[in-house]
Amino acid sequence: MRRALQLFCCLFLLCTGFGASARAQDLLVFAAASLKTALDEIHAGQPQGLAIKVAYAASSALARQIEAGAPADIFISADLDWMDYVQQRNLLRPGSRSNLLGNRLSLVAPVDSKATIHLQPGADLAALLGKDGRLAMGDVNAVPAGKYGKAALQALNIWPQLSGRIAQAENVRAALALVARGEAPLGIVYRTDAANDAKLRVLADFPENSHPPIIYPAAVVATSKHPQAAAYLARLREPSAAAILTKFGFALLPADAKIN
C-alpha cells in the first residue's frame, strides 16, 4: 500500500512540475480544493519575486502525499482530522499550526431547479432526488465535505433514506460539478463554493449544530526550507487577503482560535 502511495506521489510531482529544481524558488502550497477561487485571487496580488505553486485537491489526498514525501511548504486542510493526521506523524513545523478559516455546509441544486426544502429532522430528500437521481457529495469516508455532509444527514435522521443513493466524488469541487452539469439533482457542498457558481442554487444551509464545526487549519510543513513559508501564512491574515477570503464567504478565525 505504501509503495503504491509513493508511486502516486511521484506521478503527482511529475505531472505538476513540483520537482526538486522547482523547490529552490517556488513556495509550494497544498490546499483544500474549496479554497481555489479565493487563493488564486490572493496569489495574483502576492509580492513580486515570490513564486507560488498550488496543488488543490481533497485534504485526504494532500495529507497522504505529504506523508509520502511530497515537497510541500504549506498545508491548508478543510478539516481538523487530516491536519491532525499529518501532525501526529511529526510532519508539521512545531508552533506553525493555527485555525485559519470557517465555512458553512449547503444543499444545492442546478440553478433552474424548482426544488424547495426545509432541512429539519426527517426531511424527505429522497423525494427531491426522484426515481433515479443521486445526491452528489465528497467521499463520505475521506473528503472533509463528505464527512461533514454524512454527519449532518445522520444528525437529521436523513441518512437511512439516502445511504444507497450517494454519488461520491474525489473532492468537493468534483461534487459541485456533478450538480452544475445537471448530472445530479442535489449536492452537498460548502457555502463558499455554492455562492460563487452561477450554475447552482442554494436550497438551504445545514444547521451548524448538525455537524462538527467546519474549520480550515493551516501550517508549515516540517521539511520546508522556504524562507517565506511562515510569512505566507501571516499574509493570509492581512487586510487585503482577509477581504478576499470574506468576499468569497469564508469566516476568518482569530489567530489564537482553539476550536477542536
C-alpha atoms as a PDB file:
ATOM      1  CA  MET A   1       0.000   0.000   0.000  1.00  0.00           C
ATOM      2  CA  ARG A   2       2.772   2.416   0.948  1.00  0.00           C
ATOM      3  CA  ARG A   3       4.670   1.634  -2.252  1.00  0.00           C
ATOM      4  CA  ALA A   4       1.562   2.445  -4.287  1.00  0.00           C
ATOM      5  CA  LEU A   5       1.181   5.702  -2.368  1.00  0.00           C
ATOM      6  CA  GLN A   6       4.785   6.667  -3.040  1.00  0.00           C
ATOM      7  CA  LEU A   7       4.339   5.916  -6.740  1.00  0.00           C
ATOM      8  CA  PHE A   8       1.224   8.073  -6.808  1.00  0.00           C
ATOM      9  CA  CYS A   9       3.131  10.877  -5.125  1.00  0.00           C
ATOM     10  CA  CYS A  10       5.941  10.672  -7.666  1.00  0.00           C
ATOM     11  CA  LEU A  11       3.489  10.774 -10.552  1.00  0.00           C
ATOM     12  CA  PHE A  12       1.797  13.755  -8.920  1.00  0.00           C
ATOM     13  CA  LEU A  13       5.065  15.644  -8.690  1.00  0.00           C
ATOM     14  CA  LEU A  14       5.976  14.907 -12.289  1.00  0.00           C
ATOM     15  CA  CYS A  15       2.578  15.982 -13.588  1.00  0.00           C
ATOM     16  CA  THR A  16       2.525  19.239 -11.649  1.00  0.00           C
ATOM     17  CA  GLY A  17       6.160  20.190 -12.109  1.00  0.00           C
ATOM     18  CA  PHE A  18       6.902  20.061  -8.388  1.00  0.00           C
ATOM     19  CA  GLY A  19      10.351  18.564  -8.914  1.00  0.00           C
ATOM     20  CA  ALA A  20      13.486  19.321  -6.965  1.00  0.00           C
ATOM     21  CA  SER A  21      14.505  22.087  -9.364  1.00  0.00           C
ATOM     22  CA  ALA A  22      11.294  23.990  -8.670  1.00  0.00           C
ATOM     23  CA  ARG A  23      11.709  23.720  -4.923  1.00  0.00           C
ATOM     24  CA  ALA A  24      14.511  26.256  -4.693  1.00  0.00           C
ATOM     25  CA  GLN A  25      12.444  29.200  -5.887  1.00  0.00           C
ATOM     26  CA  ASP A  26       8.776  28.223  -5.544  1.00  0.00           C
ATOM     27  CA  LEU A  27       6.606  28.232  -2.457  1.00  0.00           C
ATOM     28  CA  LEU A  28       4.572  25.019  -2.761  1.00  0.00           C
ATOM     29  CA  VAL A  29       1.105  25.241  -1.199  1.00  0.00           C
ATOM     30  CA  PHE A  30      -1.079  22.173  -0.724  1.00  0.00           C
ATOM     31  CA  ALA A  31      -4.634  23.482  -0.224  1.00  0.00           C
ATOM     32  CA  ALA A  32      -8.127  22.049   0.022  1.00  0.00           C
ATOM     33  CA  ALA A  33      -9.963  22.198  -3.315  1.00  0.00           C
ATOM     34  CA  SER A  34     -12.640  24.517  -1.916  1.00  0.00           C
ATOM     35  CA  LEU A  35     -10.047  27.270  -1.475  1.00  0.00           C
ATOM     36  CA  LYS A  36      -9.079  27.526  -5.135  1.00  0.00           C
ATOM     37  CA  THR A  37     -11.039  30.598  -6.217  1.00  0.00           C
ATOM     38  CA  ALA A  38     -10.111  32.673  -3.181  1.00  0.00           C
ATOM     39  CA  LEU A  39      -6.440  31.670  -3.029  1.00  0.00           C
ATOM     40  CA  ASP A  40      -5.932  32.190  -6.757  1.00  0.00           C
ATOM     41  CA  GLU A  41      -7.107  35.785  -6.346  1.00  0.00           C
ATOM     42  CA  ILE A  42      -4.905  36.310  -3.296  1.00  0.00           C
ATOM     43  CA  HIS A  43      -1.872  34.922  -5.098  1.00  0.00           C
ATOM     44  CA  ALA A  44      -2.403  37.295  -8.000  1.00  0.00           C
ATOM     45  CA  GLY A  45      -1.532  40.115  -5.588  1.00  0.00           C
ATOM     46  CA  GLN A  46       1.442  38.492  -3.863  1.00  0.00           C
ATOM     47  CA  PRO A  47       4.753  40.411  -3.693  1.00  0.00           C
ATOM     48  CA  GLN A  48       6.866  40.356  -6.819  1.00  0.00           C
ATOM     49  CA  GLY A  49       9.607  37.782  -6.658  1.00  0.00           C
ATOM     50  CA  LEU A  50       7.529  35.283  -4.662  1.00  0.00           C
ATOM     51  CA  ALA A  51       6.667  32.398  -6.997  1.00  0.00           C
ATOM     52  CA  ILE A  52       3.803  30.247  -5.694  1.00  0.00           C
ATOM     53  CA  LYS A  53       2.655  26.897  -6.968  1.00  0.00           C
ATOM     54  CA  VAL A  54      -0.500  25.314  -5.585  1.00  0.00           C
ATOM     55  CA  ALA A  55      -1.887  21.803  -5.558  1.00  0.00           C
ATOM     56  CA  TYR A  56      -5.641  21.845  -4.967  1.00  0.00           C
ATOM     57  CA  ALA A  57      -7.202  18.520  -4.013  1.00  0.00           C
ATOM     58  CA  ALA A  58      -9.116  16.753  -1.258  1.00  0.00           C
ATOM     59  CA  SER A  59      -7.435  17.269   2.110  1.00  0.00           C
ATOM     60  CA  SER A  60      -7.152  13.494   2.483  1.00  0.00           C
ATOM     61  CA  ALA A  61      -5.148  13.167  -0.743  1.00  0.00           C
ATOM     62  CA  LEU A  62      -2.884  16.087   0.141  1.00  0.00           C
ATOM     63  CA  ALA A  63      -2.185  14.759   3.633  1.00  0.00           C
ATOM     64  CA  ARG A  64      -1.207  11.378   2.253  1.00  0.00           C
ATOM     65  CA  GLN A  65       1.050  12.990  -0.343  1.00  0.00           C
ATOM     66  CA  ILE A  66       2.835  14.920   2.408  1.00  0.00           C
ATOM     67  CA  GLU A  67       3.194  11.671   4.339  1.00  0.00           C
ATOM     68  CA  ALA A  68       4.727  10.057   1.246  1.00  0.00           C
ATOM     69  CA  GLY A  69       7.307  12.833   0.908  1.00  0.00           C
ATOM     70  CA  ALA A  70       5.734  15.392  -1.429  1.00  0.00           C
ATOM     71  CA  PRO A  71       7.756  18.637  -1.085  1.00  0.00           C
ATOM     72  CA  ALA A  72       5.005  20.916   0.177  1.00  0.00           C
ATOM     73  CA  ASP A  73       5.850  24.061   2.148  1.00  0.00           C
ATOM     74  CA  ILE A  74       2.309  24.856   3.321  1.00  0.00           C
ATOM     75  CA  PHE A  75      -0.685  22.632   4.082  1.00  0.00           C
ATOM     76  CA  ILE A  76      -4.199  24.081   4.397  1.00  0.00           C
ATOM     77  CA  SER A  77      -6.781  21.400   5.211  1.00  0.00           C
ATOM     78  CA  ALA A  78     -10.566  21.642   5.101  1.00  0.00           C
ATOM     79  CA  ASP A  79     -10.890  19.839   8.404  1.00  0.00           C
ATOM     80  CA  LEU A  80      -9.021  19.221  11.631  1.00  0.00           C
ATOM     81  CA  ASP A  81      -8.772  15.451  11.180  1.00  0.00           C
ATOM     82  CA  TRP A  82      -6.391  15.490   8.219  1.00  0.00           C
ATOM     83  CA  MET A  83      -4.226  18.186   9.778  1.00  0.00           C
ATOM     84  CA  ASP A  84      -4.116  16.020  12.915  1.00  0.00           C
ATOM     85  CA  TYR A  85      -3.110  13.080  10.702  1.00  0.00           C
ATOM     86  CA  VAL A  86      -0.099  14.997   9.404  1.00  0.00           C
ATOM     87  CA  GLN A  87       0.811  16.434  12.800  1.00  0.00           C
ATOM     88  CA  GLN A  88       0.680  13.027  14.506  1.00  0.00           C
ATOM     89  CA  ARG A  89       3.375  11.892  12.061  1.00  0.00           C
ATOM     90  CA  ASN A  90       5.597  14.853  13.058  1.00  0.00           C
ATOM     91  CA  LEU A  91       5.282  16.356   9.588  1.00  0.00           C
ATOM     92  CA  LEU A  92       4.406  19.915  10.656  1.00  0.00           C
ATOM     93  CA  ARG A  93       6.766  22.656  11.820  1.00  0.00           C
ATOM     94  CA  PRO A  94       6.184  22.984  15.573  1.00  0.00           C
ATOM     95  CA  GLY A  95       4.238  26.090  16.509  1.00  0.00           C
ATOM     96  CA  SER A  96       3.161  26.926  12.950  1.00  0.00           C
ATOM     97  CA  ARG A  97      -0.343  25.442  13.057  1.00  0.00           C
ATOM     98  CA  SER A  98      -3.429  27.612  13.539  1.00  0.00           C
ATOM     99  CA  ASN A  99      -7.121  27.504  12.742  1.00  0.00           C
ATOM    100  CA  LEU A 100      -7.451  29.853   9.762  1.00  0.00           C
ATOM    101  CA  LEU A 101     -10.993  29.799   8.360  1.00  0.00           C
ATOM    102  CA  GLY A 102     -14.561  28.703   8.968  1.00  0.00           C
ATOM    103  CA  ASN A 103     -17.248  27.706   6.438  1.00  0.00           C
ATOM    104  CA  ARG A 104     -20.854  26.523   6.141  1.00  0.00           C
ATOM    105  CA  LEU A 105     -22.413  23.448   4.513  1.00  0.00           C
ATOM    106  CA  SER A 106     -25.190  23.823   1.934  1.00  0.00           C
ATOM    107  CA  LEU A 107     -27.629  21.712  -0.035  1.00  0.00           C
ATOM    108  CA  VAL A 108     -27.559  22.811  -3.676  1.00  0.00           C
ATOM    109  CA  ALA A 109     -29.403  22.120  -6.915  1.00  0.00           C
ATOM    110  CA  PRO A 110     -28.959  23.217 -10.554  1.00  0.00           C
ATOM    111  CA  VAL A 111     -29.879  26.872 -10.982  1.00  0.00           C
ATOM    112  CA  ASP A 112     -33.076  26.068 -12.906  1.00  0.00           C
ATOM    113  CA  SER A 113     -34.318  23.593 -10.296  1.00  0.00           C
ATOM    114  CA  LYS A 114     -37.697  24.342  -8.713  1.00  0.00           C
ATOM    115  CA  ALA A 115     -36.972  22.204  -5.655  1.00  0.00           C
ATOM    116  CA  THR A 116     -37.592  23.588  -2.163  1.00  0.00           C
ATOM    117  CA  ILE A 117     -36.938  22.028   1.228  1.00  0.00           C
ATOM    118  CA  HIS A 118     -36.505  22.880   4.884  1.00  0.00           C
ATOM    119  CA  LEU A 119     -33.584  20.976   6.375  1.00  0.00           C
ATOM    120  CA  GLN A 120     -35.141  19.588   9.513  1.00  0.00           C
ATOM    121  CA  PRO A 121     -35.122  16.115  11.088  1.00  0.00           C
ATOM    122  CA  GLY A 122     -36.677  13.563   8.731  1.00  0.00           C
ATOM    123  CA  ALA A 123     -36.775  15.914   5.708  1.00  0.00           C
ATOM    124  CA  ASP A 124     -37.658  13.947   2.567  1.00  0.00           C
ATOM    125  CA  LEU A 125     -34.606  14.482   0.370  1.00  0.00           C
ATOM    126  CA  ALA A 126     -35.269  11.200  -1.433  1.00  0.00           C
ATOM    127  CA  ALA A 127     -38.405  12.689  -2.967  1.00  0.00           C
ATOM    128  CA  LEU A 128     -36.386  15.587  -4.394  1.00  0.00           C
ATOM    129  CA  LEU A 129     -33.944  13.151  -5.970  1.00  0.00           C
ATOM    130  CA  GLY A 130     -36.704  11.495  -7.968  1.00  0.00           C
ATOM    131  CA  LYS A 131     -36.659   7.860  -9.025  1.00  0.00           C
ATOM    132  CA  ASP A 132     -33.060   7.536 -10.178  1.00  0.00           C
ATOM    133  CA  GLY A 133     -31.316  10.711  -9.007  1.00  0.00           C
ATOM    134  CA  ARG A 134     -28.325  10.658  -6.687  1.00  0.00           C
ATOM    135  CA  LEU A 135     -27.006  13.077  -4.089  1.00  0.00           C
ATOM    136  CA  ALA A 136     -23.544  14.369  -5.035  1.00  0.00           C
ATOM    137  CA  MET A 137     -21.066  14.821  -2.200  1.00  0.00           C
ATOM    138  CA  GLY A 138     -17.434  14.183  -1.369  1.00  0.00           C
ATOM    139  CA  ASP A 139     -16.263  10.725  -0.359  1.00  0.00           C
ATOM    140  CA  VAL A 140     -18.010  10.269   2.996  1.00  0.00           C
ATOM    141  CA  ASN A 141     -15.093   8.353   4.499  1.00  0.00           C
ATOM    142  CA  ALA A 142     -12.239  10.643   3.487  1.00  0.00           C
ATOM    143  CA  VAL A 143     -13.155  14.010   1.936  1.00  0.00           C
ATOM    144  CA  PRO A 144     -13.955  16.599   4.647  1.00  0.00           C
ATOM    145  CA  ALA A 145     -17.081  17.938   2.901  1.00  0.00           C
ATOM    146  CA  GLY A 146     -18.327  14.362   2.535  1.00  0.00           C
ATOM    147  CA  LYS A 147     -17.657  13.604   6.180  1.00  0.00           C
ATOM    148  CA  TYR A 148     -19.413  16.791   7.289  1.00  0.00           C
ATOM    149  CA  GLY A 149     -22.313  16.006   4.953  1.00  0.00           C
ATOM    150  CA  LYS A 150     -22.780  12.464   6.241  1.00  0.00           C
ATOM    151  CA  ALA A 151     -22.660  13.715   9.837  1.00  0.00           C
ATOM    152  CA  ALA A 152     -25.345  16.314   9.062  1.00  0.00           C
ATOM    153  CA  LEU A 153     -27.602  13.776   7.344  1.00  0.00           C
ATOM    154  CA  GLN A 154     -27.206  11.396  10.266  1.00  0.00           C
ATOM    155  CA  ALA A 155     -27.962  14.117  12.803  1.00  0.00           C
ATOM    156  CA  LEU A 156     -31.158  14.996  10.903  1.00  0.00           C
ATOM    157  CA  ASN A 157     -32.103  11.306  10.563  1.00  0.00           C
ATOM    158  CA  ILE A 158     -31.983  11.577   6.751  1.00  0.00           C
ATOM    159  CA  TRP A 159     -29.008   9.285   6.126  1.00  0.00           C
ATOM    160  CA  PRO A 160     -31.011   5.988   6.171  1.00  0.00           C
ATOM    161  CA  GLN A 161     -33.137   7.066   3.188  1.00  0.00           C
ATOM    162  CA  LEU A 162     -30.108   8.245   1.192  1.00  0.00           C
ATOM    163  CA  SER A 163     -27.171   5.968   2.042  1.00  0.00           C
ATOM    164  CA  GLY A 164     -27.696   3.904  -1.115  1.00  0.00           C
ATOM    165  CA  ARG A 165     -28.174   6.937  -3.356  1.00  0.00           C
ATOM    166  CA  ILE A 166     -24.910   8.842  -2.938  1.00  0.00           C
ATOM    167  CA  ALA A 167     -22.670   9.865  -5.847  1.00  0.00           C
ATOM    168  CA  GLN A 168     -19.339  10.167  -4.034  1.00  0.00           C
ATOM    169  CA  ALA A 169     -16.709  12.438  -5.577  1.00  0.00           C
ATOM    170  CA  GLU A 170     -12.953  12.776  -5.070  1.00  0.00           C
ATOM    171  CA  ASN A 171     -13.323  16.305  -3.671  1.00  0.00           C
ATOM    172  CA  VAL A 172     -15.980  18.923  -3.050  1.00  0.00           C
ATOM    173  CA  ARG A 173     -15.378  20.733  -6.354  1.00  0.00           C
ATOM    174  CA  ALA A 174     -15.989  17.478  -8.240  1.00  0.00           C
ATOM    175  CA  ALA A 175     -19.272  17.020  -6.358  1.00  0.00           C
ATOM    176  CA  LEU A 176     -20.238  20.596  -7.195  1.00  0.00           C
ATOM    177  CA  ALA A 177     -19.517  19.957 -10.886  1.00  0.00           C
ATOM    178  CA  LEU A 178     -21.887  16.978 -10.953  1.00  0.00           C
ATOM    179  CA  VAL A 179     -24.733  19.242  -9.869  1.00  0.00           C
ATOM    180  CA  ALA A 180     -23.705  22.184 -12.062  1.00  0.00           C
ATOM    181  CA  ARG A 181     -23.738  19.897 -15.119  1.00  0.00           C
ATOM    182  CA  GLY A 182     -27.141  18.506 -14.195  1.00  0.00           C
ATOM    183  CA  GLU A 183     -25.783  15.000 -13.621  1.00  0.00           C
ATOM    184  CA  ALA A 184     -27.081  15.029 -10.042  1.00  0.00           C
ATOM    185  CA  PRO A 185     -30.259  16.826  -8.919  1.00  0.00           C
ATOM    186  CA  LEU A 186     -28.842  17.668  -5.488  1.00  0.00           C
ATOM    187  CA  GLY A 187     -25.458  18.050  -3.858  1.00  0.00           C
ATOM    188  CA  ILE A 188     -23.851  18.865  -0.542  1.00  0.00           C
ATOM    189  CA  VAL A 189     -21.030  21.394  -0.849  1.00  0.00           C
ATOM    190  CA  TYR A 190     -19.526  24.269   1.073  1.00  0.00           C
ATOM    191  CA  ARG A 191     -21.470  27.516   1.108  1.00  0.00           C
ATOM    192  CA  THR A 192     -18.446  29.289  -0.367  1.00  0.00           C
ATOM    193  CA  ASP A 193     -18.437  27.025  -3.429  1.00  0.00           C
ATOM    194  CA  ALA A 194     -22.178  27.287  -3.956  1.00  0.00           C
ATOM    195  CA  ALA A 195     -22.334  31.065  -3.584  1.00  0.00           C
ATOM    196  CA  ASN A 196     -19.766  31.620  -6.306  1.00  0.00           C
ATOM    197  CA  ASP A 197     -21.134  29.307  -9.007  1.00  0.00           C
ATOM    198  CA  ALA A 198     -23.844  30.790 -11.221  1.00  0.00           C
ATOM    199  CA  LYS A 199     -24.947  27.299 -12.284  1.00  0.00           C
ATOM    200  CA  LEU A 200     -26.049  26.395  -8.769  1.00  0.00           C
ATOM    201  CA  ARG A 201     -28.853  27.413  -6.448  1.00  0.00           C
ATOM    202  CA  VAL A 202     -28.620  27.055  -2.669  1.00  0.00           C
ATOM    203  CA  LEU A 203     -31.729  25.314  -1.365  1.00  0.00           C
ATOM    204  CA  ALA A 204     -30.769  25.522   2.305  1.00  0.00           C
ATOM    205  CA  ASP A 205     -27.853  25.626   4.709  1.00  0.00           C
ATOM    206  CA  PHE A 206     -27.469  22.728   7.108  1.00  0.00           C
ATOM    207  CA  PRO A 207     -27.897  23.676  10.777  1.00  0.00           C
ATOM    208  CA  GLU A 208     -24.452  24.348  12.207  1.00  0.00           C
ATOM    209  CA  ASN A 209     -25.167  22.024  15.135  1.00  0.00           C
ATOM    210  CA  SER A 210     -25.822  19.103  12.775  1.00  0.00           C
ATOM    211  CA  HIS A 211     -22.141  18.534  12.017  1.00  0.00           C
ATOM    212  CA  PRO A 212     -18.718  19.301  13.537  1.00  0.00           C
ATOM    213  CA  PRO A 213     -17.535  22.892  13.069  1.00  0.00           C
ATOM    214  CA  ILE A 214     -16.054  23.398   9.600  1.00  0.00           C
ATOM    215  CA  ILE A 215     -12.532  24.553  10.342  1.00  0.00           C
ATOM    216  CA  TYR A 216      -9.634  25.074   7.930  1.00  0.00           C
ATOM    217  CA  PRO A 217      -6.338  24.733   9.809  1.00  0.00           C
ATOM    218  CA  ALA A 218      -3.078  25.817   8.164  1.00  0.00           C
ATOM    219  CA  ALA A 219       0.544  25.036   8.948  1.00  0.00           C
ATOM    220  CA  VAL A 220       4.079  24.979   7.587  1.00  0.00           C
ATOM    221  CA  VAL A 221       5.285  21.506   6.622  1.00  0.00           C
ATOM    222  CA  ALA A 222       8.238  20.325   8.718  1.00  0.00           C
ATOM    223  CA  THR A 223      10.541  19.703   5.756  1.00  0.00           C
ATOM    224  CA  SER A 224      10.022  23.180   4.270  1.00  0.00           C
ATOM    225  CA  LYS A 225      13.171  25.225   3.791  1.00  0.00           C
ATOM    226  CA  HIS A 226      11.458  28.107   2.017  1.00  0.00           C
ATOM    227  CA  PRO A 227      12.287  31.397   3.796  1.00  0.00           C
ATOM    228  CA  GLN A 228       8.820  32.829   3.067  1.00  0.00           C
ATOM    229  CA  ALA A 229       6.720  29.901   4.355  1.00  0.00           C
ATOM    230  CA  ALA A 230       5.772  31.406   7.714  1.00  0.00           C
ATOM    231  CA  ALA A 231       5.336  34.862   6.182  1.00  0.00           C
ATOM    232  CA  TYR A 232       2.909  33.408   3.630  1.00  0.00           C
ATOM    233  CA  LEU A 233       0.603  32.178   6.381  1.00  0.00           C
ATOM    234  CA  ALA A 234       0.848  35.538   8.129  1.00  0.00           C
ATOM    235  CA  ARG A 235      -0.122  37.361   4.916  1.00  0.00           C
ATOM    236  CA  LEU A 236      -3.343  35.338   4.694  1.00  0.00           C
ATOM    237  CA  ARG A 237      -4.463  37.241   7.787  1.00  0.00           C
ATOM    238  CA  GLU A 238      -3.550  40.686   6.473  1.00  0.00           C
ATOM    239  CA  PRO A 239      -6.437  43.001   5.470  1.00  0.00           C
ATOM    240  CA  SER A 240      -6.062  42.565   1.699  1.00  0.00           C
ATOM    241  CA  ALA A 241      -6.132  38.762   1.834  1.00  0.00           C
ATOM    242  CA  ALA A 242      -8.759  38.697   4.569  1.00  0.00           C
ATOM    243  CA  ALA A 243     -11.039  40.863   2.422  1.00  0.00           C
ATOM    244  CA  ILE A 244     -10.809  38.368  -0.435  1.00  0.00           C
ATOM    245  CA  LEU A 245     -11.464  35.389   1.822  1.00  0.00           C
ATOM    246  CA  THR A 246     -14.518  37.001   3.374  1.00  0.00           C
ATOM    247  CA  LYS A 247     -15.721  38.153  -0.054  1.00  0.00           C
ATOM    248  CA  PHE A 248     -15.908  34.511  -1.074  1.00  0.00           C
ATOM    249  CA  GLY A 249     -17.800  33.599   2.083  1.00  0.00           C
ATOM    250  CA  PHE A 250     -15.092  32.296   4.419  1.00  0.00           C
ATOM    251  CA  ALA A 251     -15.006  33.360   8.040  1.00  0.00           C
ATOM    252  CA  LEU A 252     -11.507  34.400   9.131  1.00  0.00           C
ATOM    253  CA  LEU A 253     -10.790  32.950  12.580  1.00  0.00           C
ATOM    254  CA  PRO A 254      -8.625  34.678  15.196  1.00  0.00           C
ATOM    255  CA  ALA A 255      -5.007  33.529  15.132  1.00  0.00           C
ATOM    256  CA  ASP A 256      -5.412  32.081  18.639  1.00  0.00           C
ATOM    257  CA  ALA A 257      -8.722  30.294  17.931  1.00  0.00           C
ATOM    258  CA  LYS A 258      -8.821  26.991  19.835  1.00  0.00           C
ATOM    259  CA  ILE A 259     -11.634  25.113  18.094  1.00  0.00           C
ATOM    260  CA  ASN A 260     -11.458  21.332  18.344  1.00  0.00           C
END
